């Protein structure tokens, strides 16, 4: 029946090559027609194969657009490449800076390929990536056109790679990777196969770039969501801490809020606190004091609290997993509360200072006003106090007993000490020059006591006795300087004993008083006196002769000389005090 059919009819019936060869044997006289029919059959088969491949490629392209996982997408590409080209092995990798990294395989015999890193001047991949064009070899292992390296060749041998075709994955002008198809026998690759793999690579490159863009976008969205959540959490913490500060909750309330939010024990270690016995706490406090914002040790974390560059202390949280952002937000609120408490304490202290100074300088005379003035100054109306005036000391260096009141008045520190006599207050002062009054009760008596203490410290400074602590009684003979009547008597006595000397000194401008004082202070040694005065010894003799002439020679008598020496010292101290 087949013999009765024409070659055209057989082709229309989609006869195979085998059918055509069988027909040729039955009709041997038609060789020319048979060759034509066989060529046409081959062309039809090629077109059918091409159509099938294009349909498959289109199907693959559509499927690639639906894959959202980068790893799944890469695997899909190599699987399809292996199927379309009918090869034994397909693999694909990506370009990272100057390296090509193989990421997925299909049909691999070993795991050696995945993760293999190649420089862009090595292997067939170097040709593909550098030239951004397809490249192939019929036998990879013996190919001399590219540089062979130990790692890549070892993997190729383990896979028995022979015929190898590679095409680039391009996005615009960038090569983001390469796709390879491999046979385990020597093989040439035709233009159709190169075009097919290149088309698959083009679709894959777009799909990969889209997936990576989506992944980047999703990553950015996730990061944005995370940052937004962190910001919302931070704002919530700020609202809580701000409300505590605005409501006047203070430091302890803030610490309780931090403890509640962290679910851990929280404490504040002030900058002035003693070094903790716990070595971890001591280490954290030292690090924060040195300027480190957050420090941790074991299950303890600490955060530096500072304001205007001044270290105020360390916020300590005990427990694992403490969110340091919470401590970071709590620290400024804590610093603000500490600053407010310090400002309030400073205002209260200044008010207390003003009340004590007002009491000692402007005492009330009316009983009701006096009691009110004493109460505002922090003093009890029924108690006796010694008033101390400290010059050159510091408030921090004074540890007053219970009931004592300390105030600053200019450069001086005033202390009202509950005591019945001045000796009981002396031990409180370890620095500065201190004048202490005797005990007094009531505003007017305390004002007089303050004047006494002031005069005492002035006398100590005038006598060059800085750093001493003394009451008026402790001044000895120099107590005369505190008495107005005694000072008047001192003036009369000076005029009586040394008047002519003062008059001559004022008239001639010769320091006779100083010469006499220095002469007596040096035990009447002429050379030492002349050296101290900076004059020749003959000049000293002339001055001593003038003193003999003006006040008589009896001043040279030891007892008389001692009287004059004491008189001149008292007079000089009175002059320095401005009395």
Protein backbone atom coordinates (compact mmCIF):
# COMPACT_ATOMS: atom_id res chain seq x y z
CA UNK A 1 0.00 0.00 0.00
CA UNK A 2 2.89 2.32 0.90
CA UNK A 3 4.40 1.70 -2.51
CA UNK A 4 1.33 3.20 -4.09
CA UNK A 5 1.76 6.46 -2.16
CA UNK A 6 3.78 9.35 -3.48
CA UNK A 7 6.69 10.90 -1.61
CA UNK A 8 4.55 14.00 -0.99
CA UNK A 9 1.76 11.92 0.43
CA UNK A 10 4.19 10.20 2.80
CA UNK A 11 5.52 13.54 4.00
CA UNK A 12 2.00 14.82 4.50
CA UNK A 13 1.26 11.72 6.56
CA UNK A 14 4.27 12.63 8.75
CA UNK A 15 6.19 9.51 7.78
CA UNK A 16 9.38 8.97 9.74
CA UNK A 17 12.84 8.68 8.25
CA UNK A 18 12.60 4.91 8.69
CA UNK A 19 9.30 4.88 6.72
CA UNK A 20 10.88 6.92 3.94
CA UNK A 21 13.88 4.57 3.74
CA UNK A 22 11.53 1.58 3.54
CA UNK A 23 9.58 3.25 0.73
CA UNK A 24 12.85 3.95 -1.10
CA UNK A 25 13.69 0.26 -1.09
CA UNK A 26 10.38 -0.59 -2.69
CA UNK A 27 10.80 2.08 -5.36
CA UNK A 28 14.50 1.89 -6.25
CA UNK A 29 14.13 3.89 -9.46
CA UNK A 30 13.24 7.10 -7.48
CA UNK A 31 16.59 7.93 -5.77
CA UNK A 32 16.41 11.62 -6.59
CA UNK A 33 12.92 11.95 -5.12
CA UNK A 34 13.97 9.90 -2.12
CA UNK A 35 16.94 12.20 -1.35
CA UNK A 36 14.70 15.25 -1.66
CA UNK A 37 12.07 13.71 0.62
CA UNK A 38 14.70 12.75 3.21
CA UNK A 39 16.18 16.28 3.21
CA UNK A 40 12.74 17.78 3.56
CA UNK A 41 12.01 15.35 6.41
CA UNK A 42 15.20 16.43 8.19
CA UNK A 43 14.33 20.11 7.75
CA UNK A 44 10.81 19.51 9.05
CA UNK A 45 12.22 17.63 12.04
CA UNK A 46 14.66 20.49 12.75
CA UNK A 47 11.88 23.06 12.55
CA UNK A 48 9.70 20.92 14.76
CA UNK A 49 12.59 20.61 17.25
CA UNK A 50 13.17 24.36 17.07
CA UNK A 51 9.47 25.01 17.60
CA UNK A 52 9.46 22.61 20.54
CA UNK A 53 12.51 24.29 22.03
CA UNK A 54 11.05 27.77 21.57
CA UNK A 55 7.78 26.67 23.14
CA UNK A 56 9.70 25.11 26.01
CA UNK A 57 11.82 28.26 26.37
CA UNK A 58 8.70 30.43 26.43
CA UNK A 59 7.19 28.15 29.03
CA UNK A 60 10.36 28.35 31.09
CA UNK A 61 10.42 32.16 30.82
CA UNK A 62 6.86 32.33 32.13
CA UNK A 63 7.65 29.95 34.97
CA UNK A 64 10.77 31.90 35.94
CA UNK A 65 8.70 35.03 36.47
CA UNK A 66 6.65 33.23 39.14
CA UNK A 67 9.61 32.11 41.29
CA UNK A 68 10.34 34.42 44.22
CA UNK A 69 13.09 32.51 46.03
CA UNK A 70 16.56 33.16 44.60
CA UNK A 71 17.93 29.69 45.42
CA UNK A 72 14.87 27.96 43.94
CA UNK A 73 15.13 30.16 40.84
CA UNK A 74 18.79 29.27 40.24
CA UNK A 75 18.02 25.57 40.61
CA UNK A 76 15.12 25.84 38.16
CA UNK A 77 17.39 27.47 35.57
CA UNK A 78 20.08 24.75 35.66
CA UNK A 79 17.48 21.99 35.63
CA UNK A 80 15.87 23.46 32.51
CA UNK A 81 19.24 24.04 30.84
CA UNK A 82 20.17 20.39 31.33
CA UNK A 83 16.82 19.24 29.91
CA UNK A 84 16.71 21.61 26.92
CA UNK A 85 20.22 20.87 25.68
CA UNK A 86 20.17 17.21 26.63
CA UNK A 87 23.46 17.45 28.51
CA UNK A 88 24.77 15.46 31.48
CA UNK A 89 25.52 18.41 33.79
CA UNK A 90 24.48 22.04 34.12
CA UNK A 91 25.67 24.56 36.67
CA UNK A 92 25.45 28.26 37.29
CA UNK A 93 27.24 30.83 39.41
CA UNK A 94 27.32 34.52 40.24
CA UNK A 95 29.95 37.23 39.92
CA UNK A 96 30.98 38.84 43.23
CA UNK A 97 33.46 41.66 42.64
CA UNK A 98 36.51 39.84 41.18
CA UNK A 99 35.34 36.29 41.84
CA UNK A 100 32.97 33.83 40.22
CA UNK A 101 31.23 31.49 42.69
CA UNK A 102 29.40 28.33 41.55
CA UNK A 103 26.09 28.23 43.45
CA UNK A 104 23.87 25.47 41.99
CA UNK A 105 24.24 22.34 39.87
CA UNK A 106 22.00 19.82 38.09
CA UNK A 107 23.23 16.32 37.36
CA UNK A 108 26.42 16.63 39.44
CA UNK A 109 28.10 13.44 40.63
CA UNK A 110 29.94 15.07 43.55
CA UNK A 111 29.46 18.14 45.82
CA UNK A 112 32.81 19.59 44.76
CA UNK A 113 31.41 22.16 42.33
CA UNK A 114 29.08 24.04 44.67
CA UNK A 115 30.96 26.83 46.43
CA UNK A 116 33.96 26.65 44.09
CA UNK A 117 35.50 30.12 43.69
CA UNK A 118 37.30 31.12 40.50
CA UNK A 119 39.18 34.27 39.61
CA UNK A 120 37.98 35.97 36.47
CA UNK A 121 41.14 35.00 34.60
CA UNK A 122 40.77 31.27 35.26
CA UNK A 123 39.03 28.48 33.38
CA UNK A 124 36.34 28.78 30.76
CA UNK A 125 34.43 31.07 33.10
CA UNK A 126 37.18 33.67 32.67
CA UNK A 127 36.52 33.82 28.93
CA UNK A 128 32.76 34.02 29.40
CA UNK A 129 32.77 36.71 32.08
CA UNK A 130 35.62 38.83 30.73
CA UNK A 131 34.39 38.83 27.16
CA UNK A 132 30.70 38.89 28.12
CA UNK A 133 30.12 36.35 25.34
CA UNK A 134 29.46 32.61 24.95
CA UNK A 135 32.45 30.26 24.85
CA UNK A 136 32.80 26.48 24.49
CA UNK A 137 35.33 23.72 24.27
CA UNK A 138 34.89 20.21 22.93
CA UNK A 139 37.19 18.88 25.69
CA UNK A 140 37.62 21.00 28.82
CA UNK A 141 40.41 18.93 30.34
CA UNK A 142 42.74 19.30 27.35
CA UNK A 143 41.73 22.80 26.24
CA UNK A 144 44.82 25.11 25.95
CA UNK A 145 42.85 28.35 25.38
CA UNK A 146 42.47 29.25 29.05
CA UNK A 147 44.32 29.00 32.34
CA UNK A 148 43.82 25.76 34.25
CA UNK A 149 43.97 25.78 38.05
CA UNK A 150 44.21 22.94 40.53
CA UNK A 151 40.88 23.42 42.28
CA UNK A 152 38.76 23.81 39.15
CA UNK A 153 40.55 21.01 37.28
CA UNK A 154 40.15 18.69 40.25
CA UNK A 155 36.39 19.35 40.31
CA UNK A 156 36.23 18.89 36.51
CA UNK A 157 37.99 15.53 36.76
CA UNK A 158 35.70 14.38 39.57
CA UNK A 159 32.73 15.22 37.30
CA UNK A 160 34.47 13.86 34.15
CA UNK A 161 33.73 17.14 32.36
CA UNK A 162 34.62 17.10 28.66
CA UNK A 163 32.46 19.12 26.25
CA UNK A 164 31.55 22.41 27.95
CA UNK A 165 29.49 25.42 26.86
CA UNK A 166 29.18 28.61 28.90
CA UNK A 167 27.08 31.74 28.35
CA UNK A 168 26.98 34.97 30.35
CA UNK A 169 24.02 36.24 32.40
CA UNK A 170 23.78 39.90 31.48
CA UNK A 171 21.72 42.74 32.90
CA UNK A 172 22.34 45.73 30.72
CA UNK A 173 26.12 46.01 30.43
CA UNK A 174 26.76 44.08 33.63
CA UNK A 175 27.62 40.39 33.78
CA UNK A 176 26.03 39.05 36.96
CA UNK A 177 26.90 35.39 36.39
CA UNK A 178 27.27 32.55 33.91
CA UNK A 179 25.36 29.39 32.93
CA UNK A 180 27.17 26.22 31.81
CA UNK A 181 26.08 23.03 30.02
CA UNK A 182 28.40 20.04 30.06
CA UNK A 183 28.74 16.60 28.45
CA UNK A 184 30.90 13.84 29.88
CA UNK A 185 32.13 13.04 26.37
CA UNK A 186 33.94 15.24 23.88
CA UNK A 187 31.40 17.30 22.01
CA UNK A 188 31.06 20.32 19.77
CA UNK A 189 28.28 22.83 20.38
CA UNK A 190 26.42 24.30 17.44
CA UNK A 191 24.93 27.74 16.97
CA UNK A 192 21.46 26.49 17.75
CA UNK A 193 22.56 25.15 21.15
CA UNK A 194 24.52 28.29 21.90
CA UNK A 195 21.51 30.46 20.98
CA UNK A 196 19.18 28.29 23.04
CA UNK A 197 21.35 28.41 26.17
CA UNK A 198 21.95 32.15 25.65
CA UNK A 199 18.21 32.77 25.41
CA UNK A 200 17.64 30.78 28.60
CA UNK A 201 20.45 32.75 30.28
CA UNK A 202 18.87 36.05 29.16
CA UNK A 203 15.51 35.11 30.68
CA UNK A 204 17.26 33.80 33.80
CA UNK A 205 19.32 37.00 34.23
CA UNK A 206 16.19 39.16 34.18
CA UNK A 207 14.37 36.83 36.57
CA UNK A 208 17.38 36.65 38.92
CA UNK A 209 17.77 40.42 38.93
CA UNK A 210 14.06 40.85 39.61
CA UNK A 211 14.16 38.34 42.48
CA UNK A 212 17.23 40.00 43.94
CA UNK A 213 15.59 43.40 43.61
CA UNK A 214 12.51 42.05 45.36
CA UNK A 215 14.71 40.52 48.06
CA UNK A 216 16.52 43.82 48.50
CA UNK A 217 13.22 45.64 48.67
CA UNK A 218 11.83 43.12 51.13
CA UNK A 219 15.02 43.41 53.17
CA UNK A 220 14.73 47.19 53.14
CA UNK A 221 11.05 46.94 54.08
CA UNK A 222 11.91 44.54 56.89
CA UNK A 223 14.66 46.85 58.09
CA UNK A 224 12.32 49.82 57.81
CA UNK A 225 9.65 47.95 59.77
CA UNK A 226 12.22 47.02 62.38
CA UNK A 227 13.47 50.60 62.64
CA UNK A 228 9.90 51.88 62.78
CA UNK A 229 9.09 49.46 65.58
CA UNK A 230 12.27 50.48 67.40
CA UNK A 231 11.41 54.15 66.94
CA UNK A 232 7.86 53.60 68.22
CA UNK A 233 9.26 51.71 71.19
CA UNK A 234 11.81 54.47 71.83
CA UNK A 235 9.10 57.15 71.62
CA UNK A 236 6.99 55.15 74.07
CA UNK A 237 9.90 54.97 76.50
CA UNK A 238 10.55 58.69 76.05
CA UNK A 239 6.90 59.46 76.81
CA UNK A 240 7.04 57.38 79.99
CA UNK A 241 10.29 58.94 81.22
CA UNK A 242 9.26 62.46 80.25
CA UNK A 243 5.99 62.08 82.15
CA UNK A 244 7.88 60.95 85.24
CA UNK A 245 10.21 63.95 85.04
CA UNK A 246 7.39 66.46 84.37
CA UNK A 247 5.35 65.09 87.25
CA UNK A 248 8.31 65.53 89.59
CA UNK A 249 8.70 61.80 90.14
CA UNK A 250 12.41 62.12 90.70
CA UNK A 251 15.33 59.73 90.41
CA UNK A 252 13.88 56.85 92.43
CA UNK A 253 10.64 56.86 90.43
CA UNK A 254 12.62 56.73 87.18
CA UNK A 255 14.67 53.80 88.45
CA UNK A 256 11.47 51.94 89.35
CA UNK A 257 10.08 52.58 85.84
CA UNK A 258 13.28 51.24 84.24
CA UNK A 259 13.12 48.17 86.48
CA UNK A 260 9.50 47.56 85.44
CA UNK A 261 10.28 47.92 81.73
CA UNK A 262 13.36 45.69 81.83
CA UNK A 263 11.94 43.17 84.28
CA UNK A 264 15.23 43.24 86.17
CA UNK A 265 16.68 44.82 89.30
CA UNK A 266 17.92 48.33 88.54
CA UNK A 267 20.03 50.69 90.64
CA UNK A 268 21.82 54.00 90.23
CA UNK A 269 25.43 54.28 91.34
CA UNK A 270 26.19 57.98 91.87
CA UNK A 271 29.53 59.43 90.83
CA UNK A 272 30.23 60.35 94.47
CA UNK A 273 29.44 56.87 95.80
CA UNK A 274 32.16 54.62 97.17
CA UNK A 275 33.68 52.00 94.88
CA UNK A 276 31.47 48.87 95.06
CA UNK A 277 32.87 45.69 96.59
CA UNK A 278 31.52 43.67 93.66
CA UNK A 279 34.37 43.58 91.07
CA UNK A 280 31.93 43.50 88.13
CA UNK A 281 30.09 46.56 89.41
CA UNK A 282 33.38 48.32 90.13
CA UNK A 283 34.62 47.57 86.59
CA UNK A 284 31.41 48.84 84.96
CA UNK A 285 31.41 52.02 87.06
CA UNK A 286 35.07 52.68 86.21
CA UNK A 287 34.45 52.21 82.47
CA UNK A 288 31.46 54.57 82.50
CA UNK A 289 33.44 57.12 84.50
CA UNK A 290 36.19 56.97 81.86
CA UNK A 291 33.70 57.93 79.13
CA UNK A 292 32.37 54.59 77.82
CA UNK A 293 28.62 54.82 77.20
CA UNK A 294 27.67 51.19 77.88
CA UNK A 295 29.66 48.54 79.73
CA UNK A 296 28.79 44.97 80.65
CA UNK A 297 30.17 42.22 82.85
CA UNK A 298 28.61 38.82 83.56
CA UNK A 299 24.85 39.44 83.72
CA UNK A 300 25.19 43.13 84.58
CA UNK A 301 25.00 46.04 82.17
CA UNK A 302 25.65 49.68 83.00
CA UNK A 303 25.04 52.94 81.14
CA UNK A 304 26.87 56.22 81.69
CA UNK A 305 24.74 59.10 82.98
CA UNK A 306 26.17 62.56 82.31
CA UNK A 307 25.06 66.13 81.73
CA UNK A 308 27.02 68.93 80.08
CA UNK A 309 30.08 66.68 80.04
CA UNK A 310 29.91 66.05 83.79
CA UNK A 311 29.77 62.42 84.90
CA UNK A 312 26.83 61.96 87.27
CA UNK A 313 26.85 58.20 87.79
CA UNK A 314 26.03 54.79 86.29
CA UNK A 315 22.60 53.25 85.67
CA UNK A 316 22.95 49.54 86.48
CA UNK A 317 20.61 46.74 85.32
CA UNK A 318 21.03 43.22 86.73
CA UNK A 319 19.91 40.44 84.38
CA UNK A 320 20.43 38.86 80.97
CA UNK A 321 19.00 40.20 77.72
CA UNK A 322 18.55 43.80 78.89
CA UNK A 323 17.81 46.10 75.94
CA UNK A 324 20.57 48.69 76.13
CA UNK A 325 18.41 51.08 74.07
CA UNK A 326 16.12 51.35 77.07
CA UNK A 327 19.02 52.35 79.31
CA UNK A 328 20.17 54.79 76.63
CA UNK A 329 16.75 56.51 76.66
CA UNK A 330 16.50 56.46 80.45
CA UNK A 331 19.94 58.07 80.96
CA UNK A 332 19.02 61.61 79.73
CA UNK A 333 15.81 61.62 81.81
CA UNK A 334 17.80 60.46 84.81
CA UNK A 335 20.41 63.17 84.22
CA UNK A 336 17.63 65.76 84.01
CA UNK A 337 16.08 64.57 87.26
CA UNK A 338 19.47 64.61 88.97
CA UNK A 339 20.07 68.13 87.69
CA UNK A 340 16.64 69.23 88.96
CA UNK A 341 17.24 67.66 92.37
CA UNK A 342 20.66 69.29 92.57
CA UNK A 343 19.21 72.64 91.50
CA UNK A 344 16.47 72.32 94.11
CA UNK A 345 19.02 71.37 96.77
CA UNK A 346 21.26 74.25 95.73
CA UNK A 347 18.33 76.70 95.86
CA UNK A 348 17.36 75.40 99.29
CA UNK A 349 20.97 75.68 100.43
CA UNK A 350 21.29 79.23 99.16
CA UNK A 351 18.04 80.16 100.89
CA UNK A 352 19.31 78.56 104.10
CA UNK A 353 22.59 80.47 103.69
CA UNK A 354 20.71 83.72 103.23
CA UNK A 355 18.58 83.11 106.33
CA UNK A 356 21.65 82.43 108.52
CA UNK A 357 23.55 85.42 107.13
CA UNK A 358 20.49 87.62 107.70
CA UNK A 359 20.24 86.38 111.30
CA UNK A 360 23.91 87.10 112.04
CA UNK A 361 24.04 90.49 110.32
CA UNK A 362 20.54 91.88 110.93
CA UNK A 363 19.19 90.29 114.13
CA UNK A 364 15.53 90.81 114.92
CA UNK A 365 14.66 92.66 118.11
CA UNK A 366 11.02 91.63 118.44
CA UNK A 367 10.57 88.19 120.13
CA UNK A 368 8.15 86.85 117.50
CA UNK A 369 10.41 88.02 114.67
CA UNK A 370 13.42 86.59 116.48
CA UNK A 371 11.85 83.12 116.77
CA UNK A 372 10.83 83.23 113.13
CA UNK A 373 14.33 84.33 112.09
CA UNK A 374 15.95 81.55 114.12
CA UNK A 375 13.57 78.95 112.71
CA UNK A 376 14.22 80.03 109.10
CA UNK A 377 17.96 79.86 109.74
CA UNK A 378 17.57 76.30 111.04
CA UNK A 379 18.48 77.16 114.66
CA UNK A 380 16.58 76.31 117.84
CA UNK A 381 15.64 79.33 120.02
CA UNK A 382 16.41 77.42 123.22
CA UNK A 383 19.90 76.23 122.27
CA UNK A 384 23.34 77.82 122.49
CA UNK A 385 25.61 77.98 119.46
CA UNK A 386 29.22 78.83 118.76
CA UNK A 387 29.69 80.75 115.51
CA UNK A 388 32.73 79.78 113.43
CA UNK A 389 34.07 81.79 110.48
CA UNK A 390 36.24 79.75 108.09
CA UNK A 391 38.57 81.44 105.61
CA UNK A 392 40.38 79.45 102.92
CA UNK A 393 38.52 76.20 103.62
CA UNK A 394 35.78 74.42 101.69
CA UNK A 395 32.23 73.55 102.56
CA UNK A 396 32.85 69.97 101.51
CA UNK A 397 35.66 69.70 104.06
CA UNK A 398 33.32 70.41 106.98
CA UNK A 399 31.32 67.60 108.58
CA UNK A 400 28.98 69.40 110.95
CA UNK A 401 27.28 67.56 113.81
CA UNK A 402 23.52 67.16 114.04
CA UNK A 403 21.78 70.49 114.49
CA UNK A 404 24.63 72.53 113.00
CA UNK A 405 24.02 74.92 110.11
CA UNK A 406 26.60 75.75 107.42
CA UNK A 407 26.38 78.75 105.10
CA UNK A 408 28.57 80.52 102.55
CA UNK A 409 29.01 84.28 102.83
CA UNK A 410 31.26 85.60 100.10
CA UNK A 411 34.64 83.90 100.40
CA UNK A 412 33.95 82.83 103.98
CA UNK A 413 32.06 79.88 105.41
CA UNK A 414 29.87 80.39 108.47
CA UNK A 415 29.05 77.53 110.82
CA UNK A 416 26.59 77.64 113.71
CA UNK A 417 27.62 74.73 115.97
CA UNK A 418 25.42 73.59 118.90
CA UNK A 419 27.83 73.92 121.85
CA UNK A 420 28.16 75.40 125.31
CA UNK A 421 31.80 76.48 124.86
CA UNK A 422 34.17 77.13 121.96
CA UNK A 423 36.50 74.24 122.78
CA UNK A 424 33.74 71.80 121.81
CA UNK A 425 33.67 73.15 118.25
CA UNK A 426 37.41 73.27 117.52
CA UNK A 427 37.73 69.59 116.52
CA UNK A 428 35.24 69.99 113.64
CA UNK A 429 37.67 72.01 111.53
CA UNK A 430 40.68 70.45 109.84
CA UNK A 431 41.41 72.98 107.10
CA UNK A 432 41.37 76.73 106.59
CA UNK A 433 41.84 79.55 109.07
CA UNK A 434 39.01 79.47 111.62
CA UNK A 435 37.81 81.97 114.19
CA UNK A 436 35.34 80.62 116.77
CA UNK A 437 33.14 82.63 119.11
CA UNK A 438 32.05 81.69 122.57
CA UNK A 439 28.59 80.17 122.97
CA UNK A 440 25.59 82.48 122.52
CA UNK A 441 21.80 82.16 122.48
CA UNK A 442 19.26 84.40 120.73
CA UNK A 443 19.59 86.44 117.59
CA UNK A 444 21.32 89.51 119.03
CA UNK A 445 23.82 87.43 121.01
CA UNK A 446 24.53 85.30 117.96
CA UNK A 447 25.15 88.44 115.88
CA UNK A 448 27.73 89.58 118.43
CA UNK A 449 29.25 86.10 118.42
CA UNK A 450 29.53 86.30 114.63
CA UNK A 451 31.37 89.63 114.90
CA UNK A 452 33.71 88.10 117.48
CA UNK A 453 34.47 85.12 115.23
CA UNK A 454 35.07 87.42 112.24
CA UNK A 455 37.47 89.60 114.19
CA UNK A 456 39.28 86.51 115.49
CA UNK A 457 39.91 85.12 112.01
CA UNK A 458 41.01 88.59 110.83
CA UNK A 459 43.57 88.79 113.69
CA UNK A 460 44.87 85.30 112.81
CA UNK A 461 45.36 86.31 109.18
CA UNK A 462 47.02 89.60 110.23
CA UNK A 463 49.45 87.78 112.50
CA UNK A 464 50.37 85.39 109.71
CA UNK A 465 48.81 82.43 111.51
CA UNK A 466 47.01 81.00 108.49
CA UNK A 467 45.63 77.50 108.97
CA UNK A 468 45.06 77.91 112.70
CA UNK A 469 41.80 77.38 114.59
CA UNK A 470 41.30 79.75 117.51
CA UNK A 471 38.73 81.41 119.69
CA UNK A 472 39.08 84.95 120.99
CA UNK A 473 40.49 83.53 124.20
CA UNK A 474 43.12 81.64 122.25
CA UNK A 475 44.58 84.88 120.86
CA UNK A 476 46.37 85.60 124.13
CA UNK A 477 47.72 89.13 124.31
CA UNK A 478 46.42 89.84 120.81
CA UNK A 479 42.89 89.67 122.13
CA UNK A 480 43.35 93.37 122.89
CA UNK A 481 42.82 93.99 119.20
CA UNK A 482 39.17 92.87 119.58
CA UNK A 483 38.32 95.51 122.18
CA UNK A 484 37.40 99.02 121.10
CA UNK A 485 38.45 100.53 124.44
CA UNK A 486 41.67 98.57 124.38
CA UNK A 487 42.46 99.88 120.93
CA UNK A 488 41.91 103.47 122.13
CA UNK A 489 44.28 102.77 125.02
CA UNK A 490 46.76 101.29 122.52
CA UNK A 491 46.70 104.53 120.54
CA UNK A 492 47.34 106.59 123.70
CA UNK A 493 50.16 104.29 124.77
CA UNK A 494 51.78 104.41 121.34
CA UNK A 495 51.71 108.20 121.33
CA UNK A 496 53.15 108.33 124.83
CA UNK A 497 56.02 105.87 124.24
CA UNK A 498 56.81 106.35 120.58
CA UNK A 499 55.22 109.69 119.63
CA UNK A 500 58.53 111.58 119.02
CA UNK A 501 59.80 108.70 116.95
CA UNK A 502 56.67 108.69 114.77
CA UNK A 503 56.83 112.47 114.34
CA UNK A 504 60.50 112.38 113.26
CA UNK A 505 59.81 109.48 110.92
CA UNK A 506 56.94 111.37 109.28
CA UNK A 507 59.06 114.52 109.03
CA UNK A 508 62.27 113.06 107.61
CA UNK A 509 60.91 109.93 105.94
CA UNK A 510 63.42 107.70 107.72
CA UNK A 511 61.94 104.32 108.83
CA UNK A 512 62.90 104.66 112.47
CA UNK A 513 60.01 102.52 113.77
CA UNK A 514 60.91 99.66 111.41
CA UNK A 515 64.60 99.97 112.29
CA UNK A 516 63.81 99.72 116.02
CA UNK A 517 61.45 96.78 115.55
CA UNK A 518 63.89 94.81 113.36
CA UNK A 519 66.79 95.61 115.73
CA UNK A 520 64.88 94.22 118.71
CA UNK A 521 63.59 91.22 116.70
CA UNK A 522 67.22 90.28 115.85
CA UNK A 523 68.32 90.36 119.48
CA UNK A 524 70.20 93.66 119.03
CA UNK A 525 72.71 92.19 116.57
CA UNK A 526 73.86 95.06 114.40
CA UNK A 527 75.09 93.17 111.34
CA UNK A 528 72.01 90.95 111.13
CA UNK A 529 69.72 93.97 111.54
CA UNK A 530 71.58 95.99 108.87
CA UNK A 531 71.42 93.02 106.48
CA UNK A 532 67.67 92.57 107.08
CA UNK A 533 67.02 96.28 106.53
CA UNK A 534 69.31 96.35 103.49
CA UNK A 535 71.46 99.24 104.82
CA UNK A 536 75.10 99.72 105.82
CA UNK A 537 75.87 99.05 109.49
CA UNK A 538 76.98 102.71 109.91
CA UNK A 539 73.52 103.82 108.72
CA UNK A 540 72.00 101.59 111.40
CA UNK A 541 74.22 103.20 114.04
CA UNK A 542 73.05 106.65 112.93
CA UNK A 543 69.39 105.58 113.22
CA UNK A 544 69.94 104.08 116.66
CA UNK A 545 71.58 107.34 117.81
CA UNK A 546 68.55 109.25 116.52
CA UNK A 547 66.23 106.91 118.48
CA UNK A 548 68.34 107.53 121.64
CA UNK A 549 67.96 111.26 121.12
CA UNK A 550 64.19 111.14 120.50
CA UNK A 551 62.91 108.75 123.20
CA UNK A 552 65.92 108.45 125.53
CA UNK A 553 68.41 105.63 126.02
CA UNK A 554 66.33 103.73 128.55
CA UNK A 555 64.64 101.86 125.68
CA UNK A 556 67.81 99.73 125.61
CA UNK A 557 66.88 98.28 129.00
CA UNK A 558 65.71 94.64 128.41
CA UNK A 559 62.34 95.09 130.14
CA UNK A 560 61.69 98.38 128.42
CA UNK A 561 62.77 96.91 125.08
CA UNK A 562 60.31 93.98 125.49
CA UNK A 563 57.47 96.40 126.25
CA UNK A 564 58.24 98.43 123.14
CA UNK A 565 58.53 95.28 121.00
CA UNK A 566 55.08 94.05 122.10
CA UNK A 567 53.61 97.54 121.69
CA UNK A 568 54.91 97.84 118.12
CA UNK A 569 53.65 94.37 117.17
CA UNK A 570 50.18 95.17 118.51
CA UNK A 571 50.21 98.50 116.76
CA UNK A 572 51.25 96.92 113.46
CA UNK A 573 48.50 94.29 113.76
CA UNK A 574 45.93 97.01 114.50
CA UNK A 575 47.10 98.97 111.45
CA UNK A 576 46.77 95.86 109.25
CA UNK A 577 43.26 95.25 110.59
CA UNK A 578 42.35 98.84 109.80
CA UNK A 579 41.37 99.47 113.43
